[in-house]
Amino acid sequence: MLIFLLLLLTAHAPCHGRIVQQVSEVQVLVLDYKTGRPVPGWSVEMKLPDAKGEIHRFPLGTFKETGENGIVVFQIKAPLPPQVGVSIKSPCTRREVFDTSEMLQQGTIGDHADFESCKSPTSRTVVAQPGQIVIYIHLPTVWQKIRHFFWSFFDGYC
């Protein structure tokens, strides 16, 4: 009996006096809308709501880059917010807000249908997994990259 009691006490010793927070993982899968292939090295921003439950443009959220598999993983500490915001700078995308419980339970796919250049995404169907947000992006053309460079370089100077 004494050995059992000592084992029980040592098993709980690491947690004694500390609050253990649960962390949920959210995956964002970025796919090329033409090919359906993962897009590595793309910057994704995740925003959590403020105390009033609102997601604002500023301050900036947490930025991470997608891996070779097109996935970036964000960790959200409990208590989970009712919504999370995801933003990717690319044609065919906008800042979107997703319902946290729906996304964690069944996954969700970002909306891109109202962009003229992205009306017909790939014929490869993707099913979002629980805890996953799938976002299609339009990779910029060379001309769009040049325009963006000059726009960002001269922004605020003109």
N, C-alpha and C. Protein backbone atom coordinates (compact mmCIF):
# COMPACT_ATOMS: atom_id res chain seq x y z
N MET A 1 0.82 -1.19 0.00
CA MET A 1 0.00 0.00 0.00
C MET A 1 0.87 1.26 0.00
N LEU A 2 1.95 1.23 0.74
CA LEU A 2 2.85 2.37 0.81
C LEU A 2 3.53 2.61 -0.54
N ILE A 3 3.89 1.54 -1.23
CA ILE A 3 4.52 1.67 -2.54
C ILE A 3 3.52 2.29 -3.53
N PHE A 4 2.29 1.86 -3.49
CA PHE A 4 1.26 2.42 -4.36
C PHE A 4 1.08 3.91 -4.10
N LEU A 5 1.06 4.30 -2.85
CA LEU A 5 0.90 5.70 -2.49
C LEU A 5 2.09 6.53 -2.97
N LEU A 6 3.30 6.00 -2.84
CA LEU A 6 4.49 6.71 -3.32
C LEU A 6 4.48 6.85 -4.84
N LEU A 7 4.08 5.81 -5.54
CA LEU A 7 3.99 5.88 -7.00
C LEU A 7 2.95 6.92 -7.43
N LEU A 8 1.83 6.95 -6.73
CA LEU A 8 0.78 7.91 -7.04
C LEU A 8 1.26 9.34 -6.82
N LEU A 9 1.97 9.58 -5.75
CA LEU A 9 2.49 10.92 -5.46
C LEU A 9 3.55 11.35 -6.46
N THR A 10 4.43 10.45 -6.87
CA THR A 10 5.47 10.82 -7.83
C THR A 10 4.89 11.03 -9.23
N ALA A 11 3.82 10.33 -9.55
CA ALA A 11 3.19 10.51 -10.86
C ALA A 11 2.56 11.89 -10.96
N HIS A 12 2.04 12.43 -9.87
CA HIS A 12 1.39 13.73 -9.89
C HIS A 12 2.33 14.87 -9.51
N ALA A 13 3.55 14.57 -9.13
CA ALA A 13 4.49 15.60 -8.69
C ALA A 13 4.81 16.64 -9.76
N PRO A 14 5.02 16.24 -11.05
CA PRO A 14 5.36 17.25 -12.05
C PRO A 14 4.26 18.30 -12.25
N CYS A 15 2.99 17.96 -12.00
CA CYS A 15 1.89 18.88 -12.22
C CYS A 15 1.52 19.66 -10.97
N HIS A 16 2.10 19.31 -9.85
CA HIS A 16 1.74 19.95 -8.60
C HIS A 16 2.08 21.44 -8.62
N GLY A 17 1.07 22.27 -8.40
CA GLY A 17 1.29 23.70 -8.33
C GLY A 17 1.31 24.40 -9.68
N ARG A 18 1.15 23.65 -10.78
CA ARG A 18 1.14 24.27 -12.11
C ARG A 18 -0.20 24.04 -12.77
N ILE A 19 -0.62 25.01 -13.53
CA ILE A 19 -1.85 24.86 -14.31
C ILE A 19 -1.45 24.38 -15.69
N VAL A 20 -2.02 23.27 -16.11
CA VAL A 20 -1.72 22.70 -17.42
C VAL A 20 -2.80 23.18 -18.38
N GLN A 21 -2.39 23.96 -19.39
CA GLN A 21 -3.34 24.47 -20.37
C GLN A 21 -3.41 23.51 -21.55
N GLN A 22 -4.63 23.29 -22.01
CA GLN A 22 -4.80 22.47 -23.20
C GLN A 22 -4.53 23.32 -24.42
N VAL A 23 -3.92 22.71 -25.41
CA VAL A 23 -3.59 23.40 -26.65
C VAL A 23 -4.22 22.64 -27.80
N SER A 24 -4.89 23.36 -28.68
CA SER A 24 -5.47 22.76 -29.89
C SER A 24 -4.63 23.17 -31.07
N GLU A 25 -4.42 22.24 -31.98
CA GLU A 25 -3.66 22.54 -33.19
C GLU A 25 -4.60 22.80 -34.35
N VAL A 26 -4.29 23.84 -35.10
CA VAL A 26 -5.04 24.18 -36.30
C VAL A 26 -4.07 24.13 -37.47
N GLN A 27 -4.40 23.33 -38.47
CA GLN A 27 -3.57 23.24 -39.67
C GLN A 27 -4.21 24.09 -40.76
N VAL A 28 -3.39 24.84 -41.47
CA VAL A 28 -3.85 25.56 -42.65
C VAL A 28 -3.11 24.94 -43.84
N LEU A 29 -3.88 24.37 -44.76
CA LEU A 29 -3.33 23.75 -45.96
C LEU A 29 -3.53 24.71 -47.12
N VAL A 30 -2.43 25.13 -47.74
CA VAL A 30 -2.48 26.08 -48.85
C VAL A 30 -2.25 25.31 -50.15
N LEU A 31 -3.22 25.42 -51.07
CA LEU A 31 -3.16 24.71 -52.34
C LEU A 31 -3.22 25.68 -53.51
N ASP A 32 -2.52 25.33 -54.59
CA ASP A 32 -2.60 26.09 -55.84
C ASP A 32 -3.97 25.80 -56.46
N TYR A 33 -4.72 26.86 -56.77
CA TYR A 33 -6.08 26.65 -57.26
C TYR A 33 -6.11 25.99 -58.64
N LYS A 34 -5.04 26.12 -59.43
CA LYS A 34 -5.02 25.51 -60.76
C LYS A 34 -4.68 24.03 -60.72
N THR A 35 -3.66 23.68 -59.93
CA THR A 35 -3.16 22.30 -59.94
C THR A 35 -3.66 21.47 -58.76
N GLY A 36 -4.05 22.13 -57.68
CA GLY A 36 -4.46 21.41 -56.48
C GLY A 36 -3.28 20.93 -55.67
N ARG A 37 -2.07 21.32 -56.06
CA ARG A 37 -0.87 20.89 -55.34
C ARG A 37 -0.58 21.82 -54.16
N PRO A 38 0.06 21.28 -53.12
CA PRO A 38 0.45 22.11 -51.97
C PRO A 38 1.44 23.20 -52.38
N VAL A 39 1.35 24.35 -51.71
CA VAL A 39 2.23 25.48 -51.98
C VAL A 39 3.18 25.65 -50.79
N PRO A 40 4.46 25.28 -50.96
CA PRO A 40 5.41 25.45 -49.86
C PRO A 40 5.92 26.89 -49.76
N GLY A 41 6.34 27.28 -48.54
CA GLY A 41 6.98 28.57 -48.34
C GLY A 41 6.06 29.77 -48.43
N TRP A 42 4.77 29.59 -48.26
CA TRP A 42 3.82 30.70 -48.36
C TRP A 42 3.47 31.20 -46.97
N SER A 43 3.44 32.51 -46.79
CA SER A 43 3.19 33.11 -45.49
C SER A 43 1.69 33.12 -45.17
N VAL A 44 1.35 32.65 -43.97
CA VAL A 44 -0.04 32.59 -43.51
C VAL A 44 -0.12 33.33 -42.17
N GLU A 45 -1.14 34.15 -42.03
CA GLU A 45 -1.35 34.89 -40.78
C GLU A 45 -2.60 34.36 -40.08
N MET A 46 -2.48 34.10 -38.79
CA MET A 46 -3.65 33.73 -38.00
C MET A 46 -3.88 34.78 -36.93
N LYS A 47 -5.15 35.18 -36.79
CA LYS A 47 -5.52 36.18 -35.78
C LYS A 47 -6.57 35.59 -34.87
N LEU A 48 -6.45 35.93 -33.60
CA LEU A 48 -7.43 35.55 -32.61
C LEU A 48 -8.24 36.78 -32.23
N PRO A 49 -9.47 36.60 -31.80
CA PRO A 49 -10.29 37.76 -31.44
C PRO A 49 -9.80 38.46 -30.18
N ASP A 50 -10.18 39.74 -30.06
CA ASP A 50 -9.84 40.51 -28.86
C ASP A 50 -10.82 40.17 -27.75
N ALA A 51 -10.78 40.90 -26.66
CA ALA A 51 -11.64 40.62 -25.50
C ALA A 51 -13.12 40.75 -25.83
N LYS A 52 -13.45 41.56 -26.84
CA LYS A 52 -14.85 41.73 -27.25
C LYS A 52 -15.29 40.67 -28.26
N GLY A 53 -14.37 39.79 -28.66
CA GLY A 53 -14.69 38.75 -29.62
C GLY A 53 -14.58 39.19 -31.07
N GLU A 54 -13.92 40.32 -31.32
CA GLU A 54 -13.79 40.85 -32.67
C GLU A 54 -12.38 40.64 -33.19
N ILE A 55 -12.30 40.38 -34.50
CA ILE A 55 -11.01 40.21 -35.15
C ILE A 55 -10.76 41.45 -36.00
N HIS A 56 -9.67 42.14 -35.72
CA HIS A 56 -9.35 43.40 -36.39
C HIS A 56 -8.18 43.22 -37.35
N ARG A 57 -8.05 44.18 -38.25
CA ARG A 57 -6.93 44.16 -39.19
C ARG A 57 -5.60 44.36 -38.45
N PHE A 58 -5.61 45.27 -37.48
CA PHE A 58 -4.42 45.53 -36.68
C PHE A 58 -4.76 45.30 -35.23
N PRO A 59 -3.90 44.87 -34.37
CA PRO A 59 -2.51 44.55 -34.62
C PRO A 59 -2.37 43.26 -35.41
N LEU A 60 -1.18 43.04 -35.91
CA LEU A 60 -0.93 41.86 -36.72
C LEU A 60 -1.04 40.60 -35.87
N GLY A 61 -1.35 39.50 -36.54
CA GLY A 61 -1.46 38.22 -35.86
C GLY A 61 -0.13 37.48 -35.88
N THR A 62 -0.21 36.17 -35.84
CA THR A 62 0.97 35.30 -35.87
C THR A 62 1.20 34.84 -37.30
N PHE A 63 2.42 35.05 -37.81
CA PHE A 63 2.77 34.64 -39.16
C PHE A 63 3.64 33.39 -39.11
N LYS A 64 3.34 32.46 -40.02
CA LYS A 64 4.17 31.27 -40.19
C LYS A 64 4.17 30.92 -41.67
N GLU A 65 5.20 30.18 -42.10
CA GLU A 65 5.28 29.75 -43.49
C GLU A 65 4.92 28.29 -43.63
N THR A 66 4.30 27.98 -44.77
CA THR A 66 3.94 26.59 -45.03
C THR A 66 5.19 25.76 -45.27
N GLY A 67 5.11 24.49 -44.89
CA GLY A 67 6.21 23.56 -45.12
C GLY A 67 6.14 22.99 -46.53
N GLU A 68 6.96 22.01 -46.81
CA GLU A 68 6.99 21.38 -48.14
C GLU A 68 5.64 20.77 -48.51
N ASN A 69 4.86 20.38 -47.50
CA ASN A 69 3.56 19.77 -47.74
C ASN A 69 2.44 20.81 -47.86
N GLY A 70 2.79 22.11 -47.83
CA GLY A 70 1.80 23.17 -47.95
C GLY A 70 1.02 23.43 -46.67
N ILE A 71 1.47 22.84 -45.58
CA ILE A 71 0.75 22.95 -44.30
C ILE A 71 1.53 23.80 -43.32
N VAL A 72 0.81 24.65 -42.60
CA VAL A 72 1.37 25.39 -41.48
C VAL A 72 0.49 25.06 -40.27
N VAL A 73 1.12 24.89 -39.11
CA VAL A 73 0.39 24.50 -37.90
C VAL A 73 0.45 25.64 -36.89
N PHE A 74 -0.73 26.04 -36.40
CA PHE A 74 -0.83 27.04 -35.35
C PHE A 74 -1.37 26.34 -34.10
N GLN A 75 -0.91 26.78 -32.95
CA GLN A 75 -1.40 26.23 -31.70
C GLN A 75 -2.22 27.31 -30.98
N ILE A 76 -3.41 26.92 -30.54
CA ILE A 76 -4.30 27.84 -29.84
C ILE A 76 -4.54 27.31 -28.44
N LYS A 77 -4.24 28.14 -27.45
CA LYS A 77 -4.42 27.74 -26.06
C LYS A 77 -5.88 27.88 -25.64
N ALA A 78 -6.28 27.04 -24.70
CA ALA A 78 -7.62 27.11 -24.14
C ALA A 78 -7.72 28.35 -23.27
N PRO A 79 -8.84 28.96 -23.13
CA PRO A 79 -10.12 28.63 -23.76
C PRO A 79 -10.12 29.02 -25.23
N LEU A 80 -10.71 28.16 -26.04
CA LEU A 80 -10.73 28.40 -27.48
C LEU A 80 -11.66 29.56 -27.82
N PRO A 81 -11.23 30.44 -28.73
CA PRO A 81 -12.10 31.53 -29.15
C PRO A 81 -13.21 30.98 -30.06
N PRO A 82 -14.33 31.69 -30.18
CA PRO A 82 -15.39 31.21 -31.05
C PRO A 82 -15.01 31.23 -32.52
N GLN A 83 -14.07 32.12 -32.89
CA GLN A 83 -13.65 32.25 -34.28
C GLN A 83 -12.15 32.50 -34.35
N VAL A 84 -11.57 32.14 -35.50
CA VAL A 84 -10.18 32.48 -35.80
C VAL A 84 -10.15 33.13 -37.18
N GLY A 85 -9.22 34.07 -37.35
CA GLY A 85 -9.07 34.72 -38.64
C GLY A 85 -7.81 34.23 -39.32
N VAL A 86 -7.91 34.01 -40.64
CA VAL A 86 -6.76 33.57 -41.42
C VAL A 86 -6.63 34.48 -42.63
N SER A 87 -5.40 34.91 -42.89
CA SER A 87 -5.14 35.81 -44.01
C SER A 87 -3.92 35.34 -44.77
N ILE A 88 -4.04 35.34 -46.10
CA ILE A 88 -2.94 34.99 -46.98
C ILE A 88 -2.91 36.04 -48.08
N LYS A 89 -1.76 36.62 -48.33
CA LYS A 89 -1.67 37.63 -49.38
C LYS A 89 -1.45 36.95 -50.72
N SER A 90 -2.53 36.88 -51.48
CA SER A 90 -2.49 36.25 -52.79
C SER A 90 -3.78 36.58 -53.51
N PRO A 91 -3.72 36.68 -54.85
CA PRO A 91 -4.99 36.79 -55.56
C PRO A 91 -5.86 35.57 -55.22
N CYS A 92 -7.14 35.72 -55.20
CA CYS A 92 -8.13 34.68 -54.88
C CYS A 92 -8.37 34.53 -53.39
N THR A 93 -7.71 35.29 -52.57
CA THR A 93 -7.93 35.13 -51.14
C THR A 93 -8.25 36.48 -50.51
N ARG A 94 -8.83 36.40 -49.37
CA ARG A 94 -9.11 37.57 -48.54
C ARG A 94 -8.97 37.13 -47.10
N ARG A 95 -9.02 38.07 -46.20
CA ARG A 95 -9.01 37.74 -44.78
C ARG A 95 -10.34 37.05 -44.49
N GLU A 96 -10.29 35.86 -43.95
CA GLU A 96 -11.51 35.12 -43.65
C GLU A 96 -11.57 34.77 -42.17
N VAL A 97 -12.78 34.68 -41.68
CA VAL A 97 -13.02 34.29 -40.29
C VAL A 97 -13.72 32.94 -40.31
N PHE A 98 -13.20 32.01 -39.52
CA PHE A 98 -13.73 30.65 -39.48
C PHE A 98 -14.25 30.33 -38.09
N ASP A 99 -15.35 29.59 -38.03
CA ASP A 99 -15.91 29.13 -36.77
C ASP A 99 -14.99 28.06 -36.19
N THR A 100 -14.49 28.28 -34.99
CA THR A 100 -13.49 27.39 -34.39
C THR A 100 -14.03 25.98 -34.16
N SER A 101 -15.23 25.86 -33.59
CA SER A 101 -15.73 24.52 -33.28
C SER A 101 -16.01 23.72 -34.54
N GLU A 102 -16.57 24.36 -35.57
CA GLU A 102 -16.82 23.66 -36.83
C GLU A 102 -15.51 23.20 -37.46
N MET A 103 -14.51 24.10 -37.46
CA MET A 103 -13.23 23.77 -38.06
C MET A 103 -12.54 22.63 -37.32
N LEU A 104 -12.59 22.65 -35.99
CA LEU A 104 -11.94 21.58 -35.23
C LEU A 104 -12.66 20.24 -35.37
N GLN A 105 -13.98 20.27 -35.52
CA GLN A 105 -14.74 19.03 -35.60
C GLN A 105 -14.73 18.41 -36.99
N GLN A 106 -14.85 19.23 -38.04
CA GLN A 106 -14.96 18.64 -39.37
C GLN A 106 -14.04 19.26 -40.42
N GLY A 107 -13.36 20.35 -40.09
CA GLY A 107 -12.51 21.02 -41.06
C GLY A 107 -13.35 21.94 -41.94
N THR A 108 -12.68 22.84 -42.66
CA THR A 108 -13.41 23.78 -43.51
C THR A 108 -12.53 24.20 -44.69
N ILE A 109 -13.19 24.65 -45.75
CA ILE A 109 -12.50 25.11 -46.95
C ILE A 109 -12.81 26.59 -47.14
N GLY A 110 -11.76 27.39 -47.37
CA GLY A 110 -11.93 28.83 -47.56
C GLY A 110 -12.73 29.15 -48.80
N ASP A 111 -13.36 30.32 -48.80
CA ASP A 111 -14.20 30.76 -49.91
C ASP A 111 -13.35 31.54 -50.91
N HIS A 112 -13.45 31.17 -52.17
CA HIS A 112 -12.71 31.88 -53.21
C HIS A 112 -13.56 32.06 -54.47
N ALA A 113 -14.80 31.64 -54.43
CA ALA A 113 -15.63 31.56 -55.63
C ALA A 113 -15.98 32.91 -56.24
N ASP A 114 -15.97 33.99 -55.48
CA ASP A 114 -16.40 35.26 -56.05
C ASP A 114 -15.27 36.06 -56.69
N PHE A 115 -14.08 35.48 -56.78
CA PHE A 115 -12.99 36.13 -57.48
C PHE A 115 -13.02 35.69 -58.94
N GLU A 116 -13.07 36.65 -59.86
CA GLU A 116 -13.19 36.34 -61.29
C GLU A 116 -12.07 35.43 -61.78
N SER A 117 -10.83 35.70 -61.34
CA SER A 117 -9.71 34.89 -61.83
C SER A 117 -9.65 33.51 -61.21
N CYS A 118 -10.53 33.21 -60.27
CA CYS A 118 -10.48 31.92 -59.57
C CYS A 118 -11.81 31.18 -59.62
N LYS A 119 -12.60 31.43 -60.64
CA LYS A 119 -13.93 30.81 -60.73
C LYS A 119 -13.84 29.30 -60.88
N SER A 120 -12.83 28.80 -61.54
CA SER A 120 -12.75 27.37 -61.81
C SER A 120 -11.51 26.77 -61.15
N PRO A 121 -11.62 26.42 -59.87
CA PRO A 121 -10.44 25.81 -59.24
C PRO A 121 -10.22 24.40 -59.78
N THR A 122 -9.17 23.81 -59.36
CA THR A 122 -8.79 22.48 -59.81
C THR A 122 -9.93 21.48 -59.70
N SER A 123 -9.89 20.49 -60.55
CA SER A 123 -10.91 19.44 -60.49
C SER A 123 -10.59 18.43 -59.39
N ARG A 124 -9.39 18.52 -58.83
CA ARG A 124 -9.04 17.63 -57.72
C ARG A 124 -9.81 18.07 -56.48
N THR A 125 -10.63 17.20 -55.98
CA THR A 125 -11.41 17.56 -54.79
C THR A 125 -10.60 17.28 -53.54
N VAL A 126 -10.72 18.20 -52.61
CA VAL A 126 -10.03 18.07 -51.33
C VAL A 126 -11.07 18.10 -50.24
N VAL A 127 -10.95 17.20 -49.30
CA VAL A 127 -11.83 17.18 -48.14
C VAL A 127 -11.00 17.63 -46.94
N ALA A 128 -11.45 18.70 -46.31
CA ALA A 128 -10.73 19.20 -45.13
C ALA A 128 -10.87 18.19 -43.99
N GLN A 129 -9.77 17.95 -43.32
CA GLN A 129 -9.76 17.06 -42.17
C GLN A 129 -10.13 17.85 -40.91
N PRO A 130 -10.61 17.18 -39.86
CA PRO A 130 -10.89 17.90 -38.61
C PRO A 130 -9.64 18.66 -38.15
N GLY A 131 -9.84 19.92 -37.77
CA GLY A 131 -8.74 20.76 -37.33
C GLY A 131 -7.97 21.41 -38.46
N GLN A 132 -8.53 21.35 -39.67
CA GLN A 132 -7.81 21.84 -40.85
C GLN A 132 -8.64 22.87 -41.62
N ILE A 133 -7.95 23.91 -42.09
CA ILE A 133 -8.53 24.91 -42.99
C ILE A 133 -7.80 24.78 -44.31
N VAL A 134 -8.54 24.56 -45.40
CA VAL A 134 -7.94 24.46 -46.73
C VAL A 134 -8.21 25.76 -47.46
N ILE A 135 -7.13 26.36 -47.98
CA ILE A 135 -7.27 27.62 -48.71
C ILE A 135 -6.58 27.47 -50.06
N TYR A 136 -7.32 27.81 -51.12
CA TYR A 136 -6.76 27.82 -52.46
C TYR A 136 -6.20 29.20 -52.75
N ILE A 137 -5.03 29.25 -53.36
CA ILE A 137 -4.46 30.53 -53.75
C ILE A 137 -4.12 30.52 -55.23
N HIS A 138 -4.04 31.69 -55.79
CA HIS A 138 -3.64 31.88 -57.17
C HIS A 138 -2.20 32.37 -57.11
N LEU A 139 -1.27 31.57 -57.58
CA LEU A 139 0.13 31.99 -57.57
C LEU A 139 0.28 33.17 -58.52
N PRO A 140 0.95 34.23 -58.06
CA PRO A 140 1.05 35.42 -58.90
C PRO A 140 1.92 35.21 -60.13
N THR A 141 1.54 35.89 -61.20
CA THR A 141 2.33 35.85 -62.42
C THR A 141 3.57 36.74 -62.22
N VAL A 142 4.49 36.71 -63.17
CA VAL A 142 5.68 37.54 -63.10
C VAL A 142 5.26 39.01 -63.08
N TRP A 143 4.30 39.40 -63.92
CA TRP A 143 3.84 40.79 -63.96
C TRP A 143 3.25 41.20 -62.61
N GLN A 144 2.47 40.34 -61.99
CA GLN A 144 1.90 40.65 -60.68
C GLN A 144 2.99 40.80 -59.62
N LYS A 145 4.03 40.00 -59.70
CA LYS A 145 5.15 40.11 -58.75
C LYS A 145 5.86 41.45 -58.92
N ILE A 146 6.09 41.86 -60.18
CA ILE A 146 6.75 43.15 -60.43
C ILE A 146 5.89 44.30 -59.93
N ARG A 147 4.59 44.25 -60.23
CA ARG A 147 3.67 45.30 -59.78
C ARG A 147 3.65 45.37 -58.26
N HIS A 148 3.60 44.24 -57.62
CA HIS A 148 3.58 44.21 -56.16
C HIS A 148 4.87 44.78 -55.58
N PHE A 149 6.00 44.45 -56.20
CA PHE A 149 7.28 44.97 -55.73
C PHE A 149 7.29 46.50 -55.75
N PHE A 150 6.90 47.07 -56.89
CA PHE A 150 6.91 48.53 -57.00
C PHE A 150 5.86 49.17 -56.09
N TRP A 151 4.71 48.54 -55.98
CA TRP A 151 3.67 49.07 -55.10
C TRP A 151 4.15 49.08 -53.65
N SER A 152 4.76 47.99 -53.21
CA SER A 152 5.22 47.93 -51.81
C SER A 152 6.45 48.82 -51.59
N PHE A 153 7.29 48.96 -52.62
CA PHE A 153 8.50 49.79 -52.48
C PHE A 153 8.14 51.27 -52.36
N PHE A 154 7.19 51.72 -53.18
CA PHE A 154 6.82 53.14 -53.19
C PHE A 154 5.65 53.48 -52.29
N ASP A 155 5.06 52.48 -51.68
CA ASP A 155 3.91 52.73 -50.79
C ASP A 155 4.34 53.65 -49.65
N GLY A 156 3.64 54.76 -49.53
CA GLY A 156 3.95 55.72 -48.46
C GLY A 156 4.92 56.80 -48.89
N TYR A 157 5.55 56.64 -50.06
CA TYR A 157 6.51 57.65 -50.52
C TYR A 157 5.93 58.57 -51.59
N CYS A 158 4.79 58.22 -52.12
CA CYS A 158 4.20 59.04 -53.19
C CYS A 158 3.13 59.96 -52.67
